[in-house]
Amino acid sequence: MKNLRQCLTDCDMAMLRAIAQKRGIELTSNRQREVVEQLAEKLVQPESIADILERLKPQEREALESLVSEGGRNKLHLFVRQHGEIRAFGPGRLERERPWENPVSAAEGLWYSGLIYRAFDEVEGQTSEFIFVPQDLLPLLPEVEKKPPAFVVEAAPTPSVIREGDLTLVQDTCAFLSYLQNKDVKPFKDGGLARRDIEGVSKRFLVKEDEEEPERLAFLHHLCQRLGLAHMSEGFLKPNPPEAKRWLQAPRAEQLRVLQEAWRDDPGWNELWRVKSLRSEPTGWRNDPLLARKKILEHLAECPPEQWLSLASFTSAIKESDPDFQRPDGDYTSWYIREVATGQYLTGFEHWDQVEGALIVHLVTKPLYWLGATSLGYDAEGNLRSFLITPWGAALLGLPGEIPAEVPPSLMVVQPDFTIIAPSGGSLYDRFQLERVAAWQSSGDSYVYRITRDSLARGLRQGIKIEMILAFLKRVSGGQVPRNVVSALRRVRNEG
C-alpha cells in the first residue's frame, strides 16, 4: 500500500486542512505540495502520534487496533460495516460543515485524524477498495496481536425426531438408472422430466419425490449426467454402459464418495437459485456456487463430527466470522433476489439472514443430507433445530471418523411364483441387471421383482438370452432357483 506522503498527495486542500486542524498542526503555507511535505513530516513525529492516540475515543481506538491487527489494512466494506461510515464531502461542504469536529463514527474519526486512507488494490484477481494505515506510519503505532476469529457452534440436545443421513441416494441412483434402462425417457429442453417419468421414478425411490417440485430427483439426475452415468442416446436419456457399470460395481462407500465429490466440485449446480424462499432474477449478476459451497464446507470442517449441533448457531458463527463467504467484494446491492413470501427485494447486508443464512441452511439440509453427510434433528413440534455430521460427512470434510464397515452382499431369493427378492444390501449391479428381465414391484428394505412374459420379452429384445438369465439367477441366488422357474424359462427358450 501507499506511504503517508503518497496518501496526502491524493488529498485536496480542504482535506489537508481538516487533518491539520484535527491534529493541532498550524500550516505555514497554502500551496498543496508544501502542505503535504509539512504534514508528512509532522504526522509521523512520536509526540504527534502519542497525542492523537491519547485523544482517540474508545470506539476509535478499537477500530484502529482492529486494522493494525489485520496488518494495517482491510476491505473497506468490512471495516465500515463494523466501525461506521465515512461520509463523502466535496471541498466546499467539508469546510462549511467541519465533520472532523463531530465525526459520526469511529471510522470517520480516524479518517480525519490522518491515520487511515482508502485505495483500490487487486487481490486474487479481484479489485477491491481497501482502508489502510500508510506503510511508513504503521510501524510507529502500538503493535496489536491478531486474534483468529472465534468459530463457536453451540451443541444441541438429542432431537425428538431424527432423519438419518445414510446411503439412500446411492440406492435411488441405481433405481433411476434402472428406470432409464427400461423406459424411453425424453427430457425437456431445460433438462426436466415429464410428469409420468417423475411419478414412475418416485415409485421406485426410497425417498418419494415432491411431484410439483422434484428437487432431489433433479439433483440426482444432474449428478448422473455430470458423472457420465447417464447420457443422451438417440434422443432418449439412457445409462452410459461403461461408466454406469463401473459405478454400480463399486463398494457402497466408493459409490457415495463419487456422488459427494461430483457435487462438491460442480460449478453447474447453483444452490442459491434453488433456495425455495428466494427468487433470484437473471439480470446480469452472477454468483459463484463453487466459492460459496467451498466456504461452507470449510466451516463445517471446523465442527466436531457425530455431535448434534445447533443449525441456527452454525449460521450465526459464519455470519460473525465470514459474512462475505459468497460475496468477497461485499456487494449486497447488485444481486436481484426477491423474498418469495413478500415479493420484496433483499438488497443490503441487513438481509443477510434471508439470503446467506437461507443458503447455509439449504446446503446443510438438502444436498449434504441427500448425500449422507448430515443427519437432521427436529423438535417435538416438527421444527428443524439441529444437525449432525455423519461418518460419511466426516470423510467428505477430511475429519477423523470411521465409515461403517462394508457388509458382504446378500443373496437374492427366487420364489416359485417367479417373484425375486433383492436385499437392499446386495449388489447394485446385480439389481440393475435383474431389472432388465424382471418387472419392479416394490422398494424398501428389500426390492421385489417378478419375472413376467412382458419383462422376459423386453430382455430378449435387448439381446439377453434365456441361458444368460438362468445362469444369472443361479449365481445371485447361490444356486437356489425353483425347478418350476427353471422349467418355465426353458420352455420359453424352446418356444423361441
Protein backbone atom coordinates (compact mmCIF):
# COMPACT_ATOMS: atom_id res chain seq x y z
CA MET A 1 0.00 0.00 0.00
CA LYS A 2 0.99 3.65 -0.19
CA ASN A 3 3.18 5.61 2.19
CA LEU A 4 1.93 8.69 4.07
CA ARG A 5 3.28 11.23 1.59
CA GLN A 6 1.55 9.47 -1.30
CA CYS A 7 -1.72 9.37 0.63
CA LEU A 8 -1.56 13.06 1.46
CA THR A 9 -0.74 13.91 -2.14
CA ASP A 10 -4.06 12.33 -3.13
CA CYS A 11 -5.96 14.65 -0.75
CA ASP A 12 -7.37 18.03 -1.80
CA MET A 13 -6.55 21.16 0.21
CA ALA A 14 -9.82 21.05 2.16
CA MET A 15 -9.00 17.57 3.43
CA LEU A 16 -5.39 18.50 4.23
CA ARG A 17 -6.63 21.46 6.31
CA ALA A 18 -9.12 19.17 8.08
CA ILE A 19 -6.35 16.75 9.06
CA ALA A 20 -4.13 19.58 10.20
CA GLN A 21 -6.85 21.06 12.41
CA LYS A 22 -7.76 17.64 13.84
CA ARG A 23 -4.09 17.03 14.71
CA GLY A 24 -3.46 20.55 16.02
CA ILE A 25 -0.91 21.42 13.34
CA GLU A 26 -0.64 25.04 12.20
CA LEU A 27 0.01 25.13 8.47
CA THR A 28 2.65 27.56 7.20
CA SER A 29 1.63 27.54 3.53
CA ASN A 30 -1.42 27.46 1.25
CA ARG A 31 0.36 25.57 -1.52
CA GLN A 32 -0.67 21.92 -1.62
CA ARG A 33 2.78 20.48 -2.28
CA GLU A 34 4.26 22.37 0.67
CA VAL A 35 1.33 21.43 2.93
CA VAL A 36 1.82 17.76 2.00
CA GLU A 37 5.50 17.96 2.93
CA GLN A 38 4.72 19.67 6.24
CA LEU A 39 2.07 17.14 7.23
CA ALA A 40 4.15 14.17 6.05
CA GLU A 41 6.89 15.31 8.41
CA LYS A 42 4.70 16.25 11.38
CA LEU A 43 2.24 13.33 11.40
CA VAL A 44 4.96 10.72 11.97
CA GLN A 45 6.66 12.51 14.85
CA PRO A 46 6.40 10.48 18.09
CA GLU A 47 4.83 13.32 20.06
CA SER A 48 2.15 13.89 17.41
CA ILE A 49 1.29 10.17 17.27
CA ALA A 50 1.20 9.94 21.07
CA ASP A 51 -1.09 12.98 21.22
CA ILE A 52 -3.65 11.67 18.73
CA LEU A 53 -3.65 8.20 20.29
CA GLU A 54 -4.33 9.81 23.66
CA ARG A 55 -7.27 11.76 22.20
CA LEU A 56 -8.92 8.85 20.40
CA LYS A 57 -12.33 7.79 21.69
CA PRO A 58 -12.62 4.16 22.87
CA GLN A 59 -14.50 3.14 19.71
CA GLU A 60 -11.86 4.85 17.53
CA ARG A 61 -9.04 3.12 19.38
CA GLU A 62 -10.80 -0.22 18.95
CA ALA A 63 -11.26 0.43 15.22
CA LEU A 64 -7.58 1.35 14.80
CA GLU A 65 -6.42 -1.69 16.75
CA SER A 66 -8.59 -3.97 14.62
CA LEU A 67 -7.00 -2.55 11.48
CA VAL A 68 -3.47 -2.87 12.88
CA SER A 69 -4.21 -6.48 13.87
CA GLU A 70 -5.10 -7.17 10.22
CA GLY A 71 -1.67 -6.00 9.12
CA GLY A 72 -2.74 -2.40 8.61
CA ARG A 73 -5.46 -2.88 6.01
CA ASN A 74 -8.87 -4.38 5.47
CA LYS A 75 -11.54 -4.29 2.81
CA LEU A 76 -13.42 -1.03 3.06
CA HIS A 77 -16.88 -2.57 3.24
CA LEU A 78 -15.85 -4.85 6.11
CA PHE A 79 -14.26 -2.01 8.05
CA VAL A 80 -17.15 0.45 7.71
CA ARG A 81 -19.71 -2.27 8.42
CA GLN A 82 -18.10 -2.78 11.81
CA HIS A 83 -16.86 0.72 12.60
CA GLY A 84 -19.28 3.03 10.80
CA GLU A 85 -19.44 5.04 7.60
CA ILE A 86 -17.08 7.66 6.26
CA ARG A 87 -19.29 10.28 4.66
CA ALA A 88 -18.38 11.78 1.30
CA PHE A 89 -17.90 15.57 1.26
CA GLY A 90 -16.91 17.90 -1.52
CA PRO A 91 -14.30 20.59 -0.61
CA GLY A 92 -16.85 23.35 -0.08
CA ARG A 93 -19.19 21.33 2.05
CA LEU A 94 -16.27 19.90 4.01
CA GLU A 95 -15.09 23.39 5.02
CA ARG A 96 -18.63 24.52 5.83
CA GLU A 97 -19.75 21.58 7.94
CA ARG A 98 -16.38 20.71 9.54
CA PRO A 99 -17.23 16.99 10.17
CA TRP A 100 -13.86 16.34 11.87
CA GLU A 101 -15.17 18.23 14.88
CA ASN A 102 -18.06 15.82 15.36
CA PRO A 103 -17.47 12.59 13.39
CA VAL A 104 -20.45 10.26 13.08
CA SER A 105 -18.44 7.07 13.51
CA ALA A 106 -15.17 5.64 14.73
CA ALA A 107 -14.06 5.19 11.11
CA GLU A 108 -14.74 8.83 10.32
CA GLY A 109 -12.85 9.93 13.42
CA LEU A 110 -9.74 8.02 12.28
CA TRP A 111 -10.20 9.36 8.74
CA TYR A 112 -9.91 13.00 9.76
CA SER A 113 -7.12 12.16 12.18
CA GLY A 114 -4.96 11.28 9.16
CA LEU A 115 -4.46 7.74 10.42
CA ILE A 116 -6.33 5.82 7.71
CA TYR A 117 -6.77 6.22 3.94
CA ARG A 118 -8.54 4.49 1.04
CA ALA A 119 -7.25 2.92 -2.16
CA PHE A 120 -8.08 0.17 -4.64
CA ASP A 121 -5.94 -2.94 -4.89
CA GLU A 122 -6.14 -6.31 -6.61
CA VAL A 123 -6.16 -9.49 -4.55
CA GLU A 124 -6.58 -12.96 -6.09
CA GLY A 125 -7.57 -11.42 -9.40
CA GLN A 126 -10.30 -9.26 -7.89
CA THR A 127 -10.11 -5.48 -7.48
CA SER A 128 -11.48 -4.20 -4.16
CA GLU A 129 -11.35 -0.95 -2.20
CA PHE A 130 -9.32 -1.10 0.99
CA ILE A 131 -8.96 1.05 4.08
CA PHE A 132 -5.38 1.10 5.33
CA VAL A 133 -2.74 2.69 7.53
CA PRO A 134 0.14 4.10 5.42
CA GLN A 135 3.08 1.70 5.31
CA ASP A 136 5.51 4.10 6.97
CA LEU A 137 3.03 5.05 9.71
CA LEU A 138 2.04 1.50 10.64
CA PRO A 139 5.34 0.56 12.40
CA LEU A 140 5.02 3.65 14.59
CA LEU A 141 1.68 2.53 16.08
CA PRO A 142 1.42 0.16 19.06
CA GLU A 143 1.52 -3.48 17.98
CA VAL A 144 -1.68 -5.47 18.31
CA GLU A 145 -1.73 -9.25 18.34
CA LYS A 146 -4.05 -10.65 15.73
CA LYS A 147 -6.64 -12.93 17.23
CA PRO A 148 -8.15 -15.53 14.93
CA PRO A 149 -11.91 -15.12 14.67
CA ALA A 150 -13.66 -17.46 17.04
CA PHE A 151 -15.86 -20.03 15.34
CA VAL A 152 -18.07 -21.40 18.07
CA VAL A 153 -21.09 -23.55 17.31
CA GLU A 154 -23.40 -24.48 20.17
CA ALA A 155 -24.11 -28.11 20.93
CA ALA A 156 -27.74 -29.22 20.76
CA PRO A 157 -29.67 -31.83 22.76
CA THR A 158 -30.58 -35.14 21.17
CA PRO A 159 -33.55 -34.32 18.93
CA SER A 160 -37.06 -35.65 19.42
CA VAL A 161 -37.19 -36.68 15.77
CA ILE A 162 -34.14 -37.67 13.69
CA ARG A 163 -33.78 -38.01 9.93
CA GLU A 164 -30.64 -40.07 9.47
CA GLY A 165 -28.14 -39.22 6.76
CA ASP A 166 -27.44 -42.53 5.02
CA LEU A 167 -26.82 -44.25 1.70
CA THR A 168 -30.36 -43.82 0.37
CA LEU A 169 -29.21 -41.65 -2.54
CA VAL A 170 -26.96 -44.47 -3.70
CA GLN A 171 -29.92 -46.88 -3.74
CA ASP A 172 -32.10 -44.36 -5.57
CA THR A 173 -29.37 -43.71 -8.15
CA CYS A 174 -29.49 -47.40 -9.02
CA ALA A 175 -33.30 -47.20 -9.26
CA PHE A 176 -33.03 -44.16 -11.54
CA LEU A 177 -30.53 -45.85 -13.87
CA SER A 178 -32.70 -48.97 -13.98
CA TYR A 179 -35.75 -46.89 -14.90
CA LEU A 180 -33.80 -45.20 -17.70
CA GLN A 181 -32.71 -48.61 -18.99
CA ASN A 182 -36.27 -49.87 -19.43
CA LYS A 183 -38.21 -46.70 -20.30
CA ASP A 184 -37.98 -44.20 -23.12
CA VAL A 185 -37.23 -41.03 -21.16
CA LYS A 186 -37.02 -37.86 -23.21
CA PRO A 187 -36.15 -34.80 -21.06
CA PHE A 188 -37.44 -31.34 -21.89
CA LYS A 189 -35.04 -28.72 -23.26
CA ASP A 190 -34.36 -27.41 -19.73
CA GLY A 191 -33.44 -30.93 -18.58
CA GLY A 192 -36.66 -31.51 -16.66
CA LEU A 193 -38.53 -34.79 -16.85
CA ALA A 194 -42.12 -35.39 -17.86
CA ARG A 195 -44.65 -35.95 -15.07
CA ARG A 196 -45.11 -39.63 -16.00
CA ASP A 197 -41.36 -40.17 -15.54
CA ILE A 198 -41.27 -38.24 -12.27
CA GLU A 199 -44.12 -40.42 -11.00
CA GLY A 200 -42.54 -43.61 -12.33
CA VAL A 201 -39.15 -42.92 -10.77
CA SER A 202 -40.62 -41.71 -7.48
CA LYS A 203 -42.47 -45.01 -7.01
CA ARG A 204 -39.13 -46.82 -7.13
CA PHE A 205 -37.29 -44.40 -4.83
CA LEU A 206 -36.87 -44.95 -1.10
CA VAL A 207 -37.47 -41.20 -0.75
CA LYS A 208 -40.65 -40.20 -2.57
CA GLU A 209 -40.43 -37.12 -4.74
CA ASP A 210 -42.48 -33.96 -4.45
CA GLU A 211 -44.11 -34.23 -7.87
CA GLU A 212 -44.63 -30.47 -8.04
CA GLU A 213 -41.01 -29.68 -7.15
CA PRO A 214 -38.90 -32.81 -7.65
CA GLU A 215 -35.74 -31.15 -6.37
CA ARG A 216 -33.96 -34.27 -5.14
CA LEU A 217 -34.67 -36.08 -8.40
CA ALA A 218 -33.31 -33.08 -10.34
CA PHE A 219 -30.19 -33.21 -8.15
CA LEU A 220 -29.70 -36.94 -8.73
CA HIS A 221 -30.40 -36.56 -12.47
CA HIS A 222 -27.82 -33.76 -12.68
CA LEU A 223 -25.16 -35.79 -10.87
CA CYS A 224 -25.74 -38.82 -13.12
CA GLN A 225 -25.16 -36.74 -16.22
CA ARG A 226 -22.19 -34.91 -14.71
CA LEU A 227 -20.56 -38.25 -13.86
CA GLY A 228 -21.42 -39.75 -17.21
CA LEU A 229 -23.58 -42.45 -15.59
CA ALA A 230 -26.37 -41.38 -17.96
CA HIS A 231 -26.28 -39.68 -21.34
CA MET A 232 -28.48 -38.86 -24.31
CA SER A 233 -28.67 -41.70 -26.83
CA GLU A 234 -30.81 -41.44 -29.97
CA GLY A 235 -32.93 -38.74 -28.33
CA PHE A 236 -33.51 -40.58 -25.03
CA LEU A 237 -31.79 -40.44 -21.65
CA LYS A 238 -30.11 -43.81 -21.09
CA PRO A 239 -27.47 -45.32 -18.79
CA ASN A 240 -23.95 -44.95 -20.19
CA PRO A 241 -22.81 -48.62 -20.07
CA PRO A 242 -19.10 -48.35 -19.17
CA GLU A 243 -19.45 -45.58 -16.58
CA ALA A 244 -22.68 -46.93 -15.10
CA LYS A 245 -21.21 -50.44 -14.80
CA ARG A 246 -18.07 -49.12 -13.11
CA TRP A 247 -20.11 -47.17 -10.55
CA LEU A 248 -22.69 -49.91 -9.91
CA GLN A 249 -19.95 -52.46 -9.22
CA ALA A 250 -18.02 -50.25 -6.79
CA PRO A 251 -18.25 -50.66 -2.98
CA ARG A 252 -21.00 -48.64 -1.29
CA ALA A 253 -18.64 -46.15 0.35
CA GLU A 254 -16.95 -45.55 -3.01
CA GLN A 255 -20.31 -45.07 -4.74
CA LEU A 256 -21.27 -42.41 -2.21
CA ARG A 257 -17.85 -40.74 -2.35
CA VAL A 258 -18.12 -40.39 -6.12
CA LEU A 259 -21.53 -38.71 -5.80
CA GLN A 260 -20.32 -36.42 -3.00
CA GLU A 261 -17.23 -35.25 -4.85
CA ALA A 262 -19.13 -34.75 -8.09
CA TRP A 263 -21.42 -32.31 -6.24
CA ARG A 264 -18.60 -30.68 -4.27
CA ASP A 265 -16.68 -29.77 -7.43
CA ASP A 266 -19.65 -28.95 -9.66
CA PRO A 267 -19.93 -25.33 -10.89
CA GLY A 268 -23.20 -26.11 -12.66
CA TRP A 269 -25.42 -26.81 -9.65
CA ASN A 270 -26.30 -23.40 -8.20
CA GLU A 271 -27.84 -23.80 -4.74
CA LEU A 272 -28.62 -20.09 -4.32
CA TRP A 273 -31.05 -20.28 -7.24
CA ARG A 274 -32.75 -23.30 -5.64
CA VAL A 275 -33.50 -21.92 -2.17
CA LYS A 276 -37.29 -22.14 -2.00
CA SER A 277 -37.77 -18.93 -0.02
CA LEU A 278 -35.85 -16.91 -2.64
CA ARG A 279 -36.45 -15.96 -6.26
CA SER A 280 -33.23 -14.99 -8.00
CA GLU A 281 -33.75 -12.86 -11.09
CA PRO A 282 -31.36 -13.17 -14.07
CA THR A 283 -30.49 -9.51 -14.60
CA GLY A 284 -26.82 -9.93 -15.45
CA TRP A 285 -25.34 -10.52 -11.99
CA ARG A 286 -23.62 -13.83 -11.27
CA ASN A 287 -22.76 -15.70 -8.11
CA ASP A 288 -20.13 -18.40 -7.77
CA PRO A 289 -21.72 -21.57 -6.33
CA LEU A 290 -18.33 -23.26 -6.02
CA LEU A 291 -16.99 -20.45 -3.84
CA ALA A 292 -19.99 -20.46 -1.51
CA ARG A 293 -20.00 -24.27 -1.27
CA LYS A 294 -16.26 -24.39 -0.56
CA LYS A 295 -16.54 -21.82 2.22
CA ILE A 296 -19.50 -23.50 3.91
CA LEU A 297 -17.75 -26.87 3.78
CA GLU A 298 -14.62 -25.30 5.29
CA HIS A 299 -16.70 -24.01 8.20
CA LEU A 300 -18.41 -27.37 8.61
CA ALA A 301 -14.93 -28.88 8.88
CA GLU A 302 -14.43 -26.70 11.98
CA CYS A 303 -17.30 -28.53 13.72
CA PRO A 304 -16.98 -31.79 15.66
CA PRO A 305 -18.42 -34.80 13.81
CA GLU A 306 -21.09 -37.11 15.22
CA GLN A 307 -22.35 -34.48 17.68
CA TRP A 308 -25.69 -32.69 17.50
CA LEU A 309 -25.14 -29.01 16.75
CA SER A 310 -27.48 -26.04 16.63
CA LEU A 311 -28.21 -25.11 13.00
CA ALA A 312 -29.02 -21.52 13.98
CA SER A 313 -25.73 -21.29 15.90
CA PHE A 314 -23.77 -22.61 12.90
CA THR A 315 -25.34 -19.97 10.67
CA SER A 316 -24.61 -17.24 13.22
CA ALA A 317 -20.99 -18.36 13.55
CA ILE A 318 -20.47 -17.93 9.80
CA LYS A 319 -22.17 -14.52 9.91
CA GLU A 320 -19.82 -13.43 12.67
CA SER A 321 -16.57 -14.81 11.26
CA ASP A 322 -17.04 -14.91 7.49
CA PRO A 323 -20.17 -12.98 6.44
CA ASP A 324 -18.98 -12.38 2.88
CA PHE A 325 -18.32 -16.06 2.16
CA GLN A 326 -20.17 -15.87 -1.16
CA ARG A 327 -19.61 -12.15 -1.88
CA PRO A 328 -15.91 -11.43 -1.36
CA ASP A 329 -16.38 -7.98 -2.89
CA GLY A 330 -19.02 -7.13 -0.28
CA ASP A 331 -21.58 -6.31 -2.96
CA TYR A 332 -25.01 -6.52 -1.36
CA THR A 333 -26.75 -4.19 -3.80
CA SER A 334 -26.48 -5.57 -7.34
CA TRP A 335 -27.86 -9.10 -6.81
CA TYR A 336 -31.54 -9.13 -7.71
CA ILE A 337 -33.11 -11.55 -5.25
CA ARG A 338 -36.70 -11.41 -4.03
CA GLU A 339 -38.25 -12.99 -0.98
CA VAL A 340 -40.97 -15.32 -2.28
CA ALA A 341 -43.33 -14.70 0.66
CA THR A 342 -43.34 -10.89 0.36
CA GLY A 343 -42.02 -10.15 -3.13
CA GLN A 344 -39.54 -7.75 -1.50
CA TYR A 345 -36.07 -7.29 -2.98
CA LEU A 346 -33.48 -8.42 -0.44
CA THR A 347 -30.90 -5.71 -1.06
CA GLY A 348 -28.31 -4.74 1.52
CA PHE A 349 -26.40 -6.52 4.26
CA GLU A 350 -29.42 -6.20 6.56
CA HIS A 351 -30.99 -9.08 4.60
CA TRP A 352 -28.05 -11.43 5.20
CA ASP A 353 -30.15 -13.87 7.21
CA GLN A 354 -32.78 -14.19 4.48
CA VAL A 355 -30.18 -14.79 1.73
CA GLU A 356 -26.85 -16.07 3.06
CA GLY A 357 -28.46 -17.64 6.12
CA ALA A 358 -31.08 -19.40 3.99
CA LEU A 359 -28.37 -20.67 1.64
CA ILE A 360 -26.40 -22.19 4.52
CA VAL A 361 -29.50 -23.97 5.84
CA HIS A 362 -30.29 -25.18 2.31
CA LEU A 363 -26.84 -26.74 1.87
CA VAL A 364 -26.91 -28.50 5.22
CA THR A 365 -30.47 -29.80 4.90
CA LYS A 366 -30.68 -30.58 1.18
CA PRO A 367 -27.51 -31.58 -0.78
CA LEU A 368 -25.46 -32.57 2.28
CA TYR A 369 -28.37 -34.51 3.78
CA TRP A 370 -29.17 -36.22 0.47
CA LEU A 371 -25.50 -37.18 0.17
CA GLY A 372 -25.50 -38.80 3.61
CA ALA A 373 -23.16 -36.17 5.07
CA THR A 374 -25.58 -34.77 7.67
CA SER A 375 -28.39 -36.07 9.83
CA LEU A 376 -31.19 -33.65 10.73
CA GLY A 377 -32.83 -33.10 14.12
CA TYR A 378 -36.35 -31.83 14.80
CA ASP A 379 -38.13 -30.81 17.99
CA ALA A 380 -41.44 -32.31 19.15
CA GLU A 381 -43.37 -29.77 17.04
CA GLY A 382 -41.53 -30.79 13.90
CA ASN A 383 -39.28 -27.73 13.68
CA LEU A 384 -35.77 -28.28 12.29
CA ARG A 385 -33.31 -27.33 15.02
CA SER A 386 -30.04 -29.21 14.67
CA PHE A 387 -27.75 -31.29 12.53
CA LEU A 388 -25.03 -33.88 12.94
CA ILE A 389 -22.05 -34.61 10.70
CA THR A 390 -22.19 -38.32 9.87
CA PRO A 391 -19.15 -40.57 9.31
CA TRP A 392 -19.70 -40.15 5.56
CA GLY A 393 -19.82 -36.38 6.09
CA ALA A 394 -16.60 -36.52 8.11
CA ALA A 395 -14.94 -38.36 5.22
CA LEU A 396 -16.09 -35.68 2.76
CA LEU A 397 -14.79 -32.91 5.05
CA GLY A 398 -11.49 -34.61 5.84
CA LEU A 399 -12.39 -35.06 9.52
CA PRO A 400 -11.47 -38.06 11.65
CA GLY A 401 -14.06 -40.78 11.74
CA GLU A 402 -14.71 -44.35 10.75
CA ILE A 403 -17.09 -45.26 7.96
CA PRO A 404 -19.24 -48.31 8.79
CA ALA A 405 -17.67 -51.50 7.51
CA GLU A 406 -18.90 -52.88 4.21
CA VAL A 407 -21.38 -55.76 4.69
CA PRO A 408 -20.93 -58.73 2.33
CA PRO A 409 -23.64 -58.66 -0.36
CA SER A 410 -26.71 -60.71 0.46
CA LEU A 411 -28.10 -63.27 -1.95
CA MET A 412 -31.34 -62.81 -3.83
CA VAL A 413 -34.28 -65.12 -3.21
CA VAL A 414 -36.07 -66.63 -6.22
CA GLN A 415 -39.56 -67.84 -5.34
CA PRO A 416 -41.75 -70.41 -7.14
CA ASP A 417 -44.23 -67.71 -8.20
CA PHE A 418 -41.42 -66.00 -10.17
CA THR A 419 -41.05 -63.29 -7.53
CA ILE A 420 -37.45 -62.31 -6.79
CA ILE A 421 -36.45 -60.56 -3.59
CA ALA A 422 -33.27 -58.49 -3.80
CA PRO A 423 -32.00 -57.32 -0.38
CA SER A 424 -31.02 -53.63 -0.30
CA GLY A 425 -27.57 -54.70 0.87
CA GLY A 426 -27.00 -56.72 -2.27
CA SER A 427 -25.02 -55.77 -5.36
CA LEU A 428 -26.46 -52.75 -7.16
CA TYR A 429 -25.07 -54.05 -10.43
CA ASP A 430 -26.91 -57.35 -9.99
CA ARG A 431 -30.13 -55.48 -9.16
CA PHE A 432 -29.70 -53.32 -12.27
CA GLN A 433 -29.20 -56.47 -14.37
CA LEU A 434 -32.23 -58.14 -12.77
CA GLU A 435 -34.50 -55.25 -13.70
CA ARG A 436 -33.66 -55.79 -17.35
CA VAL A 437 -35.62 -59.08 -17.29
CA ALA A 438 -37.97 -58.66 -14.31
CA ALA A 439 -40.72 -56.17 -13.52
CA TRP A 440 -40.26 -53.96 -10.46
CA GLN A 441 -42.90 -54.44 -7.75
CA SER A 442 -41.78 -52.53 -4.64
CA SER A 443 -38.82 -50.83 -2.91
CA GLY A 444 -37.82 -50.92 0.74
CA ASP A 445 -35.51 -52.97 2.95
CA SER A 446 -35.73 -55.40 0.06
CA TYR A 447 -36.56 -54.77 -3.59
CA VAL A 448 -39.21 -57.04 -5.02
CA TYR A 449 -39.37 -58.01 -8.72
CA ARG A 450 -41.35 -60.51 -10.73
CA ILE A 451 -40.50 -62.26 -13.95
CA THR A 452 -43.40 -61.84 -16.38
CA ARG A 453 -43.92 -62.56 -20.05
CA ASP A 454 -43.61 -58.85 -20.78
CA SER A 455 -40.40 -58.46 -18.78
CA LEU A 456 -38.88 -61.50 -20.45
CA ALA A 457 -39.84 -60.20 -23.88
CA ARG A 458 -38.21 -56.87 -23.02
CA GLY A 459 -34.99 -58.59 -22.01
CA LEU A 460 -34.98 -60.75 -25.13
CA ARG A 461 -35.37 -57.63 -27.28
CA GLN A 462 -32.24 -56.26 -25.60
CA GLY A 463 -30.33 -59.36 -26.73
CA ILE A 464 -30.41 -61.23 -23.41
CA LYS A 465 -30.69 -64.98 -23.93
CA ILE A 466 -32.57 -67.41 -21.67
CA GLU A 467 -29.32 -69.26 -20.86
CA MET A 468 -27.87 -65.97 -19.62
CA ILE A 469 -30.96 -65.37 -17.44
CA LEU A 470 -30.77 -68.85 -15.91
CA ALA A 471 -27.05 -68.51 -15.22
CA PHE A 472 -27.64 -65.10 -13.66
CA LEU A 473 -30.43 -66.34 -11.38
CA LYS A 474 -28.32 -69.29 -10.21
CA ARG A 475 -25.38 -67.03 -9.41
CA VAL A 476 -27.28 -64.32 -7.49
CA SER A 477 -29.35 -66.88 -5.51
CA GLY A 478 -26.50 -69.22 -4.67
CA GLY A 479 -27.97 -71.89 -6.93
CA GLN A 480 -31.41 -71.79 -5.25
CA VAL A 481 -33.69 -71.44 -8.27
CA PRO A 482 -37.01 -73.37 -8.00
CA ARG A 483 -37.39 -76.15 -10.55
CA ASN A 484 -40.64 -74.75 -11.94
CA VAL A 485 -38.92 -71.44 -12.67
CA VAL A 486 -36.08 -73.21 -14.49
CA SER A 487 -38.55 -75.34 -16.46
CA ALA A 488 -40.69 -72.35 -17.42
CA LEU A 489 -37.71 -70.38 -18.67
CA ARG A 490 -36.51 -73.36 -20.71
CA ARG A 491 -39.96 -73.69 -22.31
CA VAL A 492 -39.78 -70.04 -23.32
CA ARG A 493 -36.37 -70.77 -24.87
CA ASN A 494 -37.71 -73.75 -26.76
CA GLU A 495 -40.78 -71.85 -27.91
CA GLY A 496 -38.49 -69.12 -29.24
